[in-house]
Amino acid sequence: MTAGVATLVIGVIVGYLAQRSRMCFVGGIRDFILVRDTSLLKGLAAFGLTAWMAFPVARLLGGSGVLSFSLSDGVTVALTIIGGFGVGCVSLLANGCPLRQHVLAAQGMKSSIAYLAGFLSGAVIFHVWSAPLMLRLFP
């Protein structure tokens, strides 16, 4: 019960901040390349800096098992790059990053709701079919 309430509270806070800041990683890179506007890149830099500091802290707090993978490091990095490239390409076609699509879906945009339906069904398909296959292929 406590974890569910904590998740809800943190989700509301992060959602509120994402909606108010209009943060979009894809839009920040797009604006920088097209018109050299760095205002949206500040959110990307803050996210990267936070992740850079939070992952070692989580590893220290959670022990050696947290954030570890069963696949070899090279395969994990390769699959992460391929998956990130795929999500990035689809996000460019959808005109925004997944975070922005979540915010727009919460505001009632039908195209963002359709994007998230595909995004989440793709995650389910990956975990049901692709992940077990990869674990068998790459022990």
N, C-alpha and C. Protein backbone atom coordinates (compact mmCIF):
# COMPACT_ATOMS: atom_id res chain seq x y z
N MET A 1 0.82 -1.19 0.00
CA MET A 1 0.00 0.00 0.00
C MET A 1 0.87 1.25 0.00
N THR A 2 1.94 1.25 0.80
CA THR A 2 2.81 2.42 0.88
C THR A 2 3.50 2.67 -0.45
N ALA A 3 3.96 1.61 -1.12
CA ALA A 3 4.62 1.78 -2.41
C ALA A 3 3.67 2.34 -3.45
N GLY A 4 2.42 1.90 -3.42
CA GLY A 4 1.43 2.42 -4.37
C GLY A 4 1.14 3.90 -4.16
N VAL A 5 1.00 4.30 -2.91
CA VAL A 5 0.75 5.72 -2.61
C VAL A 5 1.96 6.56 -2.96
N ALA A 6 3.17 6.07 -2.64
CA ALA A 6 4.39 6.80 -2.97
C ALA A 6 4.54 6.95 -4.49
N THR A 7 4.24 5.90 -5.23
CA THR A 7 4.31 5.97 -6.68
C THR A 7 3.31 6.97 -7.23
N LEU A 8 2.11 6.99 -6.70
CA LEU A 8 1.10 7.94 -7.14
C LEU A 8 1.52 9.37 -6.86
N VAL A 9 2.03 9.63 -5.67
CA VAL A 9 2.46 10.98 -5.31
C VAL A 9 3.62 11.44 -6.19
N ILE A 10 4.62 10.59 -6.36
CA ILE A 10 5.76 10.95 -7.20
C ILE A 10 5.33 11.13 -8.64
N GLY A 11 4.43 10.28 -9.14
CA GLY A 11 3.92 10.42 -10.50
C GLY A 11 3.18 11.72 -10.72
N VAL A 12 2.39 12.13 -9.74
CA VAL A 12 1.67 13.40 -9.86
C VAL A 12 2.66 14.57 -9.87
N ILE A 13 3.66 14.51 -9.02
CA ILE A 13 4.65 15.60 -8.97
C ILE A 13 5.44 15.67 -10.27
N VAL A 14 5.94 14.53 -10.75
CA VAL A 14 6.71 14.52 -12.00
C VAL A 14 5.83 14.93 -13.18
N GLY A 15 4.58 14.45 -13.20
CA GLY A 15 3.67 14.83 -14.27
C GLY A 15 3.38 16.32 -14.28
N TYR A 16 3.18 16.89 -13.11
CA TYR A 16 2.93 18.33 -13.01
C TYR A 16 4.15 19.12 -13.51
N LEU A 17 5.35 18.71 -13.07
CA LEU A 17 6.55 19.40 -13.50
C LEU A 17 6.79 19.25 -15.00
N ALA A 18 6.51 18.07 -15.54
CA ALA A 18 6.68 17.85 -16.98
C ALA A 18 5.69 18.70 -17.78
N GLN A 19 4.48 18.81 -17.28
CA GLN A 19 3.47 19.60 -17.99
C GLN A 19 3.80 21.08 -17.92
N ARG A 20 4.25 21.55 -16.80
CA ARG A 20 4.54 22.98 -16.64
C ARG A 20 5.82 23.38 -17.36
N SER A 21 6.80 22.49 -17.41
CA SER A 21 8.08 22.85 -18.02
C SER A 21 8.08 22.68 -19.53
N ARG A 22 7.10 21.95 -20.08
CA ARG A 22 7.02 21.66 -21.50
C ARG A 22 8.30 20.97 -22.00
N MET A 23 8.91 20.15 -21.14
CA MET A 23 10.15 19.48 -21.48
C MET A 23 9.91 18.42 -22.54
N CYS A 24 10.74 18.43 -23.56
CA CYS A 24 10.69 17.43 -24.63
C CYS A 24 12.11 17.24 -25.14
N PHE A 25 12.64 16.03 -24.98
CA PHE A 25 14.01 15.77 -25.38
C PHE A 25 14.17 15.87 -26.90
N VAL A 26 13.27 15.27 -27.63
CA VAL A 26 13.33 15.30 -29.10
C VAL A 26 13.19 16.73 -29.60
N GLY A 27 12.26 17.48 -29.01
CA GLY A 27 12.07 18.87 -29.41
C GLY A 27 13.29 19.73 -29.11
N GLY A 28 13.97 19.45 -28.00
CA GLY A 28 15.17 20.19 -27.67
C GLY A 28 16.28 19.97 -28.68
N ILE A 29 16.48 18.73 -29.08
CA ILE A 29 17.50 18.42 -30.09
C ILE A 29 17.09 19.03 -31.43
N ARG A 30 15.81 18.91 -31.78
CA ARG A 30 15.32 19.48 -33.03
C ARG A 30 15.52 21.00 -33.06
N ASP A 31 15.13 21.68 -32.00
CA ASP A 31 15.28 23.14 -31.95
C ASP A 31 16.73 23.57 -32.01
N PHE A 32 17.60 22.81 -31.36
CA PHE A 32 19.02 23.16 -31.39
C PHE A 32 19.59 23.01 -32.79
N ILE A 33 19.23 21.93 -33.48
CA ILE A 33 19.77 21.69 -34.82
C ILE A 33 19.21 22.71 -35.82
N LEU A 34 17.92 22.99 -35.73
CA LEU A 34 17.29 23.87 -36.72
C LEU A 34 17.55 25.35 -36.48
N VAL A 35 17.37 25.81 -35.26
CA VAL A 35 17.44 27.26 -35.01
C VAL A 35 18.41 27.63 -33.89
N ARG A 36 19.20 26.70 -33.42
CA ARG A 36 20.18 26.92 -32.36
C ARG A 36 19.56 27.45 -31.07
N ASP A 37 18.34 27.03 -30.78
CA ASP A 37 17.66 27.41 -29.55
C ASP A 37 17.97 26.36 -28.49
N THR A 38 18.56 26.78 -27.38
CA THR A 38 18.98 25.84 -26.34
C THR A 38 18.05 25.79 -25.14
N SER A 39 16.90 26.43 -25.21
CA SER A 39 16.02 26.48 -24.03
C SER A 39 15.50 25.09 -23.65
N LEU A 40 15.11 24.26 -24.61
CA LEU A 40 14.63 22.92 -24.29
C LEU A 40 15.76 21.94 -23.99
N LEU A 41 16.98 22.26 -24.40
CA LEU A 41 18.11 21.38 -24.11
C LEU A 41 18.49 21.40 -22.64
N LYS A 42 18.08 22.43 -21.92
CA LYS A 42 18.39 22.51 -20.49
C LYS A 42 17.72 21.35 -19.74
N GLY A 43 16.52 20.97 -20.14
CA GLY A 43 15.84 19.84 -19.52
C GLY A 43 16.56 18.53 -19.80
N LEU A 44 17.07 18.36 -21.01
CA LEU A 44 17.82 17.16 -21.36
C LEU A 44 19.11 17.09 -20.56
N ALA A 45 19.80 18.22 -20.42
CA ALA A 45 21.03 18.26 -19.64
C ALA A 45 20.75 17.96 -18.16
N ALA A 46 19.67 18.52 -17.63
CA ALA A 46 19.32 18.27 -16.22
C ALA A 46 18.96 16.80 -16.01
N PHE A 47 18.25 16.20 -16.97
CA PHE A 47 17.90 14.78 -16.86
C PHE A 47 19.16 13.92 -16.88
N GLY A 48 20.08 14.20 -17.79
CA GLY A 48 21.32 13.43 -17.87
C GLY A 48 22.16 13.56 -16.61
N LEU A 49 22.24 14.77 -16.07
CA LEU A 49 23.01 15.00 -14.85
C LEU A 49 22.38 14.28 -13.66
N THR A 50 21.07 14.32 -13.58
CA THR A 50 20.37 13.63 -12.49
C THR A 50 20.58 12.12 -12.58
N ALA A 51 20.46 11.57 -13.78
CA ALA A 51 20.67 10.13 -13.95
C ALA A 51 22.11 9.75 -13.63
N TRP A 52 23.05 10.60 -14.01
CA TRP A 52 24.46 10.34 -13.74
C TRP A 52 24.73 10.27 -12.25
N MET A 53 24.02 11.07 -11.46
CA MET A 53 24.20 11.05 -10.01
C MET A 53 23.32 10.00 -9.34
N ALA A 54 22.13 9.72 -9.88
CA ALA A 54 21.18 8.84 -9.20
C ALA A 54 21.52 7.36 -9.35
N PHE A 55 22.06 6.94 -10.48
CA PHE A 55 22.35 5.52 -10.67
C PHE A 55 23.40 5.00 -9.69
N PRO A 56 24.52 5.70 -9.45
CA PRO A 56 25.45 5.20 -8.43
C PRO A 56 24.85 5.18 -7.02
N VAL A 57 24.01 6.17 -6.71
CA VAL A 57 23.36 6.19 -5.40
C VAL A 57 22.42 4.99 -5.26
N ALA A 58 21.65 4.70 -6.30
CA ALA A 58 20.74 3.55 -6.26
C ALA A 58 21.52 2.25 -6.14
N ARG A 59 22.65 2.17 -6.79
CA ARG A 59 23.48 0.96 -6.69
C ARG A 59 24.02 0.80 -5.27
N LEU A 60 24.40 1.91 -4.65
CA LEU A 60 24.90 1.84 -3.27
C LEU A 60 23.79 1.44 -2.29
N LEU A 61 22.61 2.00 -2.48
CA LEU A 61 21.50 1.72 -1.57
C LEU A 61 20.92 0.33 -1.76
N GLY A 62 20.90 -0.14 -3.02
CA GLY A 62 20.25 -1.41 -3.32
C GLY A 62 21.15 -2.61 -3.30
N GLY A 63 22.43 -2.43 -3.16
CA GLY A 63 23.34 -3.56 -3.19
C GLY A 63 23.82 -3.84 -4.60
N SER A 64 24.44 -4.99 -4.78
CA SER A 64 25.04 -5.31 -6.07
C SER A 64 24.02 -5.81 -7.10
N GLY A 65 22.85 -6.25 -6.66
CA GLY A 65 21.87 -6.81 -7.59
C GLY A 65 21.03 -5.79 -8.32
N VAL A 66 20.97 -4.56 -7.81
CA VAL A 66 20.13 -3.56 -8.44
C VAL A 66 20.79 -3.05 -9.71
N LEU A 67 19.99 -2.84 -10.72
CA LEU A 67 20.44 -2.30 -12.01
C LEU A 67 21.45 -3.18 -12.71
N SER A 68 21.41 -4.48 -12.49
CA SER A 68 22.31 -5.38 -13.19
C SER A 68 21.51 -6.17 -14.22
N PHE A 69 22.19 -6.64 -15.24
CA PHE A 69 21.53 -7.33 -16.34
C PHE A 69 22.04 -8.75 -16.42
N SER A 70 21.20 -9.65 -16.95
CA SER A 70 21.62 -11.03 -17.10
C SER A 70 22.37 -11.24 -18.42
N LEU A 71 22.20 -10.34 -19.36
CA LEU A 71 22.92 -10.45 -20.62
C LEU A 71 24.32 -9.86 -20.45
N SER A 72 25.22 -10.22 -21.35
CA SER A 72 26.56 -9.65 -21.27
C SER A 72 26.49 -8.15 -21.53
N ASP A 73 27.47 -7.44 -21.06
CA ASP A 73 27.44 -5.98 -21.17
C ASP A 73 27.41 -5.51 -22.62
N GLY A 74 28.14 -6.14 -23.49
CA GLY A 74 28.16 -5.74 -24.90
C GLY A 74 26.82 -5.93 -25.57
N VAL A 75 26.16 -7.06 -25.30
CA VAL A 75 24.84 -7.31 -25.88
C VAL A 75 23.82 -6.32 -25.31
N THR A 76 23.92 -6.04 -24.02
CA THR A 76 23.00 -5.09 -23.39
C THR A 76 23.15 -3.71 -24.00
N VAL A 77 24.38 -3.27 -24.19
CA VAL A 77 24.62 -1.96 -24.79
C VAL A 77 24.10 -1.92 -26.22
N ALA A 78 24.37 -2.97 -27.00
CA ALA A 78 23.90 -3.01 -28.38
C ALA A 78 22.38 -2.98 -28.46
N LEU A 79 21.71 -3.79 -27.63
CA LEU A 79 20.25 -3.79 -27.65
C LEU A 79 19.67 -2.47 -27.17
N THR A 80 20.31 -1.83 -26.22
CA THR A 80 19.86 -0.52 -25.75
C THR A 80 19.98 0.52 -26.85
N ILE A 81 21.08 0.51 -27.58
CA ILE A 81 21.27 1.46 -28.67
C ILE A 81 20.25 1.22 -29.77
N ILE A 82 20.02 -0.04 -30.14
CA ILE A 82 19.04 -0.35 -31.19
C ILE A 82 17.64 0.05 -30.75
N GLY A 83 17.26 -0.28 -29.52
CA GLY A 83 15.95 0.10 -29.01
C GLY A 83 15.79 1.61 -28.89
N GLY A 84 16.81 2.29 -28.42
CA GLY A 84 16.75 3.75 -28.33
C GLY A 84 16.64 4.41 -29.68
N PHE A 85 17.35 3.86 -30.67
CA PHE A 85 17.25 4.40 -32.03
C PHE A 85 15.85 4.20 -32.59
N GLY A 86 15.26 3.04 -32.32
CA GLY A 86 13.89 2.78 -32.79
C GLY A 86 12.88 3.71 -32.14
N VAL A 87 12.97 3.87 -30.82
CA VAL A 87 12.04 4.77 -30.13
C VAL A 87 12.26 6.21 -30.60
N GLY A 88 13.51 6.59 -30.82
CA GLY A 88 13.80 7.95 -31.29
C GLY A 88 13.22 8.22 -32.66
N CYS A 89 13.36 7.26 -33.58
CA CYS A 89 12.80 7.45 -34.93
C CYS A 89 11.28 7.56 -34.90
N VAL A 90 10.64 6.69 -34.15
CA VAL A 90 9.18 6.73 -34.06
C VAL A 90 8.74 8.02 -33.36
N SER A 91 9.50 8.46 -32.36
CA SER A 91 9.16 9.70 -31.67
C SER A 91 9.30 10.91 -32.59
N LEU A 92 10.29 10.89 -33.45
CA LEU A 92 10.42 11.99 -34.41
C LEU A 92 9.22 12.04 -35.34
N LEU A 93 8.77 10.88 -35.78
CA LEU A 93 7.60 10.84 -36.65
C LEU A 93 6.34 11.28 -35.92
N ALA A 94 6.29 11.04 -34.59
CA ALA A 94 5.12 11.41 -33.80
C ALA A 94 5.20 12.84 -33.28
N ASN A 95 6.31 13.54 -33.58
CA ASN A 95 6.49 14.95 -33.22
C ASN A 95 6.64 15.16 -31.72
N GLY A 96 7.39 14.31 -31.04
CA GLY A 96 7.67 14.53 -29.63
C GLY A 96 8.16 13.29 -28.94
N CYS A 97 8.84 13.48 -27.84
CA CYS A 97 9.38 12.34 -27.10
C CYS A 97 8.26 11.67 -26.28
N PRO A 98 8.52 10.46 -25.77
CA PRO A 98 7.48 9.76 -24.99
C PRO A 98 7.00 10.55 -23.77
N LEU A 99 7.89 11.29 -23.11
CA LEU A 99 7.45 12.11 -21.98
C LEU A 99 6.42 13.13 -22.42
N ARG A 100 6.69 13.80 -23.50
CA ARG A 100 5.76 14.82 -24.01
C ARG A 100 4.46 14.17 -24.47
N GLN A 101 4.56 12.97 -25.06
CA GLN A 101 3.35 12.27 -25.49
C GLN A 101 2.48 11.89 -24.30
N HIS A 102 3.10 11.54 -23.16
CA HIS A 102 2.33 11.25 -21.95
C HIS A 102 1.58 12.50 -21.48
N VAL A 103 2.28 13.64 -21.50
CA VAL A 103 1.65 14.88 -21.07
C VAL A 103 0.50 15.25 -22.00
N LEU A 104 0.72 15.14 -23.30
CA LEU A 104 -0.33 15.49 -24.26
C LEU A 104 -1.50 14.51 -24.17
N ALA A 105 -1.23 13.24 -23.91
CA ALA A 105 -2.32 12.27 -23.76
C ALA A 105 -3.15 12.59 -22.52
N ALA A 106 -2.49 13.04 -21.46
CA ALA A 106 -3.22 13.41 -20.25
C ALA A 106 -4.08 14.65 -20.49
N GLN A 107 -3.69 15.47 -21.46
CA GLN A 107 -4.46 16.65 -21.81
C GLN A 107 -5.56 16.33 -22.81
N GLY A 108 -5.63 15.08 -23.28
CA GLY A 108 -6.72 14.65 -24.13
C GLY A 108 -6.44 14.62 -25.62
N MET A 109 -5.18 14.70 -26.05
CA MET A 109 -4.87 14.63 -27.49
C MET A 109 -4.99 13.19 -27.97
N LYS A 110 -5.85 12.97 -28.94
CA LYS A 110 -6.12 11.61 -29.41
C LYS A 110 -4.91 10.98 -30.09
N SER A 111 -4.14 11.76 -30.83
CA SER A 111 -2.97 11.19 -31.49
C SER A 111 -1.92 10.73 -30.48
N SER A 112 -1.80 11.45 -29.38
CA SER A 112 -0.86 11.04 -28.33
C SER A 112 -1.35 9.79 -27.61
N ILE A 113 -2.66 9.67 -27.44
CA ILE A 113 -3.21 8.46 -26.83
C ILE A 113 -2.94 7.26 -27.72
N ALA A 114 -3.09 7.42 -29.03
CA ALA A 114 -2.80 6.33 -29.96
C ALA A 114 -1.30 5.99 -29.94
N TYR A 115 -0.45 7.00 -29.86
CA TYR A 115 0.99 6.78 -29.77
C TYR A 115 1.32 5.95 -28.53
N LEU A 116 0.74 6.32 -27.38
CA LEU A 116 1.02 5.60 -26.15
C LEU A 116 0.46 4.19 -26.17
N ALA A 117 -0.67 3.99 -26.83
CA ALA A 117 -1.21 2.64 -26.95
C ALA A 117 -0.23 1.75 -27.72
N GLY A 118 0.33 2.25 -28.80
CA GLY A 118 1.34 1.50 -29.55
C GLY A 118 2.63 1.32 -28.77
N PHE A 119 3.02 2.35 -28.06
CA PHE A 119 4.24 2.32 -27.25
C PHE A 119 4.14 1.25 -26.17
N LEU A 120 3.02 1.23 -25.45
CA LEU A 120 2.85 0.27 -24.36
C LEU A 120 2.62 -1.14 -24.88
N SER A 121 1.90 -1.29 -25.99
CA SER A 121 1.72 -2.64 -26.54
C SER A 121 3.05 -3.17 -27.08
N GLY A 122 3.90 -2.30 -27.61
CA GLY A 122 5.23 -2.72 -28.04
C GLY A 122 6.07 -3.20 -26.86
N ALA A 123 5.95 -2.54 -25.71
CA ALA A 123 6.68 -2.97 -24.51
C ALA A 123 6.19 -4.34 -24.05
N VAL A 124 4.88 -4.57 -24.11
CA VAL A 124 4.34 -5.87 -23.71
C VAL A 124 4.82 -6.95 -24.67
N ILE A 125 4.79 -6.69 -25.95
CA ILE A 125 5.25 -7.67 -26.94
C ILE A 125 6.73 -7.99 -26.72
N PHE A 126 7.52 -6.96 -26.44
CA PHE A 126 8.94 -7.20 -26.19
C PHE A 126 9.14 -8.11 -24.99
N HIS A 127 8.46 -7.83 -23.89
CA HIS A 127 8.68 -8.60 -22.67
C HIS A 127 8.09 -10.00 -22.76
N VAL A 128 7.06 -10.19 -23.55
CA VAL A 128 6.45 -11.51 -23.66
C VAL A 128 7.21 -12.39 -24.65
N TRP A 129 7.61 -11.82 -25.78
CA TRP A 129 8.21 -12.64 -26.84
C TRP A 129 9.71 -12.42 -27.01
N SER A 130 10.13 -11.19 -27.12
CA SER A 130 11.52 -10.92 -27.48
C SER A 130 12.50 -11.19 -26.34
N ALA A 131 12.18 -10.74 -25.14
CA ALA A 131 13.12 -10.90 -24.02
C ALA A 131 13.43 -12.38 -23.73
N PRO A 132 12.44 -13.28 -23.64
CA PRO A 132 12.80 -14.69 -23.42
C PRO A 132 13.63 -15.28 -24.56
N LEU A 133 13.35 -14.87 -25.78
CA LEU A 133 14.13 -15.36 -26.92
C LEU A 133 15.58 -14.90 -26.82
N MET A 134 15.78 -13.63 -26.47
CA MET A 134 17.14 -13.12 -26.34
C MET A 134 17.88 -13.78 -25.18
N LEU A 135 17.17 -14.08 -24.10
CA LEU A 135 17.83 -14.74 -22.99
C LEU A 135 18.28 -16.15 -23.37
N ARG A 136 17.55 -16.81 -24.27
CA ARG A 136 17.96 -18.13 -24.74
C ARG A 136 19.10 -18.03 -25.72
N LEU A 137 19.10 -17.00 -26.58
CA LEU A 137 20.15 -16.85 -27.57
C LEU A 137 21.47 -16.34 -26.99
N PHE A 138 21.38 -15.45 -26.00
CA PHE A 138 22.56 -14.84 -25.41
C PHE A 138 22.60 -15.14 -23.91
N PRO A 139 23.12 -16.32 -23.53
CA PRO A 139 23.12 -16.69 -22.09
C PRO A 139 24.08 -15.85 -21.26
